[in-house]
Amino acid sequence: MKKYAFVSESGTPLFTCQPAYDEMYSAGEMYDGNLCIEVPIEVSCSQILERWYWKGKWEIKPPVASSFHVWDLASESWLPNPDAEGKPTVIL
């Protein structure tokens, strides 16, 4: 059995799946604009979705400063969310 993560253009894993048939998806292919990457079966889905990002290979994100931050792949850091008007932000 295989496990895949589907990654957005920003490198963010959006969801994981373990298809019923190994041939349902192919690693390295695009599905609905998201890149399919095979991941180790023993790694938890929550770890992949919360801590990993894709930049040609899997990298580990540092802890997020607050829920009002968004991941920026270009700088590989958490930045204050510009859409979080009126909400507190923590400066890194």
N, C-alpha and C. Protein backbone atom coordinates (compact mmCIF):
# COMPACT_ATOMS: atom_id res chain seq x y z
N MET A 1 0.84 -1.18 0.00
CA MET A 1 0.00 0.00 0.00
C MET A 1 0.88 1.24 0.00
N LYS A 2 0.47 2.26 -0.74
CA LYS A 2 1.21 3.51 -0.84
C LYS A 2 0.44 4.66 -0.21
N LYS A 3 1.18 5.69 0.17
CA LYS A 3 0.57 6.90 0.73
C LYS A 3 1.12 8.08 -0.06
N TYR A 4 0.24 9.04 -0.37
CA TYR A 4 0.63 10.20 -1.15
C TYR A 4 0.20 11.48 -0.43
N ALA A 5 0.98 12.54 -0.66
CA ALA A 5 0.59 13.88 -0.26
C ALA A 5 0.39 14.68 -1.53
N PHE A 6 -0.63 15.52 -1.54
CA PHE A 6 -0.89 16.38 -2.68
C PHE A 6 -0.52 17.80 -2.28
N VAL A 7 0.38 18.40 -3.06
CA VAL A 7 1.04 19.63 -2.68
C VAL A 7 0.64 20.77 -3.62
N SER A 8 0.32 21.93 -3.03
CA SER A 8 -0.04 23.11 -3.82
C SER A 8 1.20 23.73 -4.45
N GLU A 9 1.00 24.74 -5.30
CA GLU A 9 2.12 25.43 -5.93
C GLU A 9 3.03 26.10 -4.91
N SER A 10 2.50 26.45 -3.74
CA SER A 10 3.29 27.10 -2.71
C SER A 10 4.11 26.11 -1.89
N GLY A 11 3.99 24.82 -2.19
CA GLY A 11 4.73 23.80 -1.47
C GLY A 11 4.01 23.25 -0.26
N THR A 12 2.79 23.72 -0.03
CA THR A 12 2.01 23.29 1.12
C THR A 12 1.29 21.97 0.83
N PRO A 13 1.49 20.95 1.67
CA PRO A 13 0.70 19.74 1.49
C PRO A 13 -0.76 20.01 1.87
N LEU A 14 -1.67 19.73 0.97
CA LEU A 14 -3.08 20.03 1.19
C LEU A 14 -3.84 18.87 1.81
N PHE A 15 -3.50 17.67 1.38
CA PHE A 15 -4.14 16.47 1.93
C PHE A 15 -3.28 15.26 1.61
N THR A 16 -3.56 14.17 2.30
CA THR A 16 -2.88 12.91 2.03
C THR A 16 -3.94 11.86 1.69
N CYS A 17 -3.50 10.80 1.06
CA CYS A 17 -4.43 9.70 0.82
C CYS A 17 -3.66 8.39 0.68
N GLN A 18 -4.34 7.33 1.00
CA GLN A 18 -3.86 5.98 0.78
C GLN A 18 -4.88 5.31 -0.13
N PRO A 19 -4.62 5.35 -1.44
CA PRO A 19 -5.61 4.82 -2.38
C PRO A 19 -5.79 3.31 -2.24
N ALA A 20 -6.96 2.86 -2.62
CA ALA A 20 -7.28 1.44 -2.56
C ALA A 20 -6.38 0.64 -3.50
N TYR A 21 -5.97 1.28 -4.61
CA TYR A 21 -5.10 0.63 -5.57
C TYR A 21 -3.85 1.48 -5.74
N ASP A 22 -2.69 0.87 -5.65
CA ASP A 22 -1.43 1.60 -5.79
C ASP A 22 -1.32 2.35 -7.11
N GLU A 23 -1.97 1.86 -8.14
CA GLU A 23 -1.88 2.46 -9.47
C GLU A 23 -2.81 3.65 -9.68
N MET A 24 -3.59 4.02 -8.68
CA MET A 24 -4.55 5.11 -8.84
C MET A 24 -3.85 6.45 -9.07
N TYR A 25 -2.68 6.67 -8.48
CA TYR A 25 -1.94 7.91 -8.62
C TYR A 25 -0.49 7.59 -8.95
N SER A 26 0.18 8.56 -9.56
CA SER A 26 1.61 8.41 -9.87
C SER A 26 2.36 9.59 -9.26
N ALA A 27 3.37 9.30 -8.46
CA ALA A 27 4.19 10.34 -7.86
C ALA A 27 4.82 11.19 -8.96
N GLY A 28 4.83 12.50 -8.74
CA GLY A 28 5.39 13.43 -9.71
C GLY A 28 4.39 13.96 -10.72
N GLU A 29 3.19 13.41 -10.73
CA GLU A 29 2.14 13.86 -11.64
C GLU A 29 1.28 14.94 -10.97
N MET A 30 0.64 15.77 -11.79
CA MET A 30 -0.27 16.81 -11.30
C MET A 30 -1.70 16.30 -11.36
N TYR A 31 -2.45 16.57 -10.30
CA TYR A 31 -3.87 16.22 -10.22
C TYR A 31 -4.61 17.46 -9.73
N ASP A 32 -5.48 17.98 -10.57
CA ASP A 32 -6.24 19.20 -10.24
C ASP A 32 -5.32 20.32 -9.78
N GLY A 33 -4.17 20.46 -10.43
CA GLY A 33 -3.24 21.54 -10.12
C GLY A 33 -2.34 21.29 -8.92
N ASN A 34 -2.42 20.10 -8.34
CA ASN A 34 -1.60 19.76 -7.18
C ASN A 34 -0.66 18.62 -7.51
N LEU A 35 0.58 18.75 -7.03
CA LEU A 35 1.61 17.75 -7.28
C LEU A 35 1.44 16.57 -6.33
N CYS A 36 1.50 15.37 -6.87
CA CYS A 36 1.37 14.14 -6.08
C CYS A 36 2.77 13.66 -5.72
N ILE A 37 3.02 13.50 -4.41
CA ILE A 37 4.31 13.05 -3.92
C ILE A 37 4.09 11.84 -3.02
N GLU A 38 4.83 10.77 -3.26
CA GLU A 38 4.74 9.60 -2.38
C GLU A 38 5.44 9.91 -1.06
N VAL A 39 4.82 9.52 0.03
CA VAL A 39 5.39 9.74 1.37
C VAL A 39 5.49 8.41 2.10
N PRO A 40 6.38 8.33 3.08
CA PRO A 40 6.50 7.07 3.83
C PRO A 40 5.19 6.72 4.54
N ILE A 41 4.78 5.50 4.44
CA ILE A 41 3.52 5.04 5.00
C ILE A 41 3.48 5.21 6.52
N GLU A 42 4.63 5.11 7.18
CA GLU A 42 4.66 5.16 8.64
C GLU A 42 4.59 6.59 9.21
N VAL A 43 4.73 7.61 8.37
CA VAL A 43 4.65 9.00 8.85
C VAL A 43 3.18 9.40 8.95
N SER A 44 2.82 10.02 10.07
CA SER A 44 1.41 10.39 10.28
C SER A 44 0.98 11.51 9.33
N CYS A 45 -0.27 11.48 8.97
CA CYS A 45 -0.84 12.50 8.09
C CYS A 45 -0.73 13.88 8.74
N SER A 46 -0.98 13.96 10.06
CA SER A 46 -0.92 15.26 10.73
C SER A 46 0.49 15.84 10.70
N GLN A 47 1.50 15.00 10.83
CA GLN A 47 2.88 15.51 10.75
C GLN A 47 3.16 16.08 9.37
N ILE A 48 2.74 15.39 8.34
CA ILE A 48 2.95 15.86 6.98
C ILE A 48 2.23 17.18 6.75
N LEU A 49 0.97 17.26 7.14
CA LEU A 49 0.17 18.45 6.88
C LEU A 49 0.57 19.65 7.72
N GLU A 50 1.04 19.42 8.94
CA GLU A 50 1.35 20.52 9.85
C GLU A 50 2.81 20.96 9.81
N ARG A 51 3.73 20.05 9.51
CA ARG A 51 5.15 20.36 9.68
C ARG A 51 5.98 20.33 8.40
N TRP A 52 5.51 19.70 7.35
CA TRP A 52 6.32 19.53 6.15
C TRP A 52 5.94 20.55 5.08
N TYR A 53 6.88 20.84 4.19
CA TYR A 53 6.60 21.57 2.95
C TYR A 53 7.52 21.04 1.87
N TRP A 54 7.12 21.23 0.63
CA TRP A 54 7.84 20.68 -0.50
C TRP A 54 8.58 21.78 -1.24
N LYS A 55 9.87 21.59 -1.41
CA LYS A 55 10.68 22.51 -2.21
C LYS A 55 11.68 21.67 -3.00
N GLY A 56 11.13 20.80 -3.85
CA GLY A 56 11.96 19.85 -4.59
C GLY A 56 12.29 18.62 -3.77
N LYS A 57 12.17 18.73 -2.46
CA LYS A 57 12.29 17.64 -1.51
C LYS A 57 11.55 18.08 -0.25
N TRP A 58 11.25 17.15 0.62
CA TRP A 58 10.54 17.49 1.85
C TRP A 58 11.44 18.25 2.80
N GLU A 59 10.92 19.33 3.36
CA GLU A 59 11.60 20.14 4.36
C GLU A 59 10.68 20.22 5.57
N ILE A 60 11.25 20.57 6.73
CA ILE A 60 10.46 20.71 7.96
C ILE A 60 10.30 22.18 8.29
N LYS A 61 9.05 22.61 8.50
CA LYS A 61 8.77 23.99 8.88
C LYS A 61 9.15 24.22 10.34
N PRO A 62 9.62 25.41 10.67
CA PRO A 62 9.78 25.74 12.09
C PRO A 62 8.39 25.93 12.69
N PRO A 63 8.27 25.92 14.02
CA PRO A 63 6.95 26.13 14.64
C PRO A 63 6.36 27.48 14.22
N VAL A 64 5.06 27.51 14.03
CA VAL A 64 4.37 28.74 13.64
C VAL A 64 4.26 29.68 14.85
N ALA A 65 4.45 30.98 14.60
CA ALA A 65 4.41 31.98 15.67
C ALA A 65 3.01 32.17 16.23
N SER A 66 1.99 32.14 15.37
CA SER A 66 0.60 32.28 15.82
C SER A 66 -0.31 31.79 14.70
N SER A 67 -1.58 31.70 15.00
CA SER A 67 -2.54 31.28 13.97
C SER A 67 -2.79 32.39 12.95
N PHE A 68 -2.20 33.56 13.17
CA PHE A 68 -2.36 34.69 12.25
C PHE A 68 -1.18 34.82 11.29
N HIS A 69 -0.44 33.74 11.12
CA HIS A 69 0.70 33.72 10.20
C HIS A 69 0.43 32.73 9.08
N VAL A 70 1.05 32.99 7.94
CA VAL A 70 0.96 32.10 6.79
C VAL A 70 2.36 31.72 6.36
N TRP A 71 2.49 30.53 5.80
CA TRP A 71 3.78 30.05 5.36
C TRP A 71 4.16 30.70 4.04
N ASP A 72 5.36 31.23 3.95
CA ASP A 72 5.88 31.84 2.73
C ASP A 72 7.02 30.97 2.20
N LEU A 73 6.79 30.30 1.09
CA LEU A 73 7.79 29.38 0.56
C LEU A 73 9.04 30.11 0.09
N ALA A 74 8.88 31.30 -0.49
CA ALA A 74 10.04 32.04 -1.02
C ALA A 74 11.05 32.34 0.08
N SER A 75 10.56 32.78 1.24
CA SER A 75 11.47 33.09 2.34
C SER A 75 11.64 31.92 3.31
N GLU A 76 10.86 30.87 3.08
CA GLU A 76 10.86 29.69 3.96
C GLU A 76 10.67 30.09 5.42
N SER A 77 9.66 30.92 5.63
CA SER A 77 9.37 31.38 6.99
C SER A 77 7.89 31.71 7.12
N TRP A 78 7.45 31.86 8.36
CA TRP A 78 6.09 32.28 8.65
C TRP A 78 6.04 33.80 8.62
N LEU A 79 5.07 34.35 7.91
CA LEU A 79 4.89 35.80 7.83
C LEU A 79 3.50 36.17 8.34
N PRO A 80 3.35 37.38 8.90
CA PRO A 80 2.01 37.80 9.31
C PRO A 80 1.06 37.75 8.12
N ASN A 81 -0.13 37.26 8.34
CA ASN A 81 -1.13 37.12 7.30
C ASN A 81 -1.69 38.50 6.96
N PRO A 82 -1.50 38.97 5.71
CA PRO A 82 -2.01 40.29 5.34
C PRO A 82 -3.54 40.35 5.33
N ASP A 83 -4.21 39.22 5.29
CA ASP A 83 -5.67 39.18 5.28
C ASP A 83 -6.25 39.11 6.69
N ALA A 84 -5.41 39.17 7.70
CA ALA A 84 -5.86 39.06 9.08
C ALA A 84 -6.08 40.45 9.69
N GLU A 85 -6.82 41.31 8.98
CA GLU A 85 -7.06 42.67 9.45
C GLU A 85 -7.75 42.68 10.81
N GLY A 86 -7.26 43.57 11.66
CA GLY A 86 -7.87 43.72 12.97
C GLY A 86 -7.53 42.62 13.93
N LYS A 87 -6.74 41.66 13.49
CA LYS A 87 -6.37 40.55 14.35
C LYS A 87 -4.94 40.75 14.83
N PRO A 88 -4.62 40.32 16.00
CA PRO A 88 -3.24 40.49 16.49
C PRO A 88 -2.27 39.63 15.69
N THR A 89 -1.08 40.15 15.51
CA THR A 89 -0.03 39.38 14.86
C THR A 89 1.21 39.43 15.74
N VAL A 90 2.00 38.43 15.61
CA VAL A 90 3.27 38.36 16.34
C VAL A 90 4.37 38.58 15.32
N ILE A 91 5.23 39.54 15.56
CA ILE A 91 6.34 39.78 14.65
C ILE A 91 7.44 38.77 14.95
N LEU A 92 7.92 38.13 13.91
CA LEU A 92 8.96 37.12 14.08
C LEU A 92 10.30 37.74 14.40
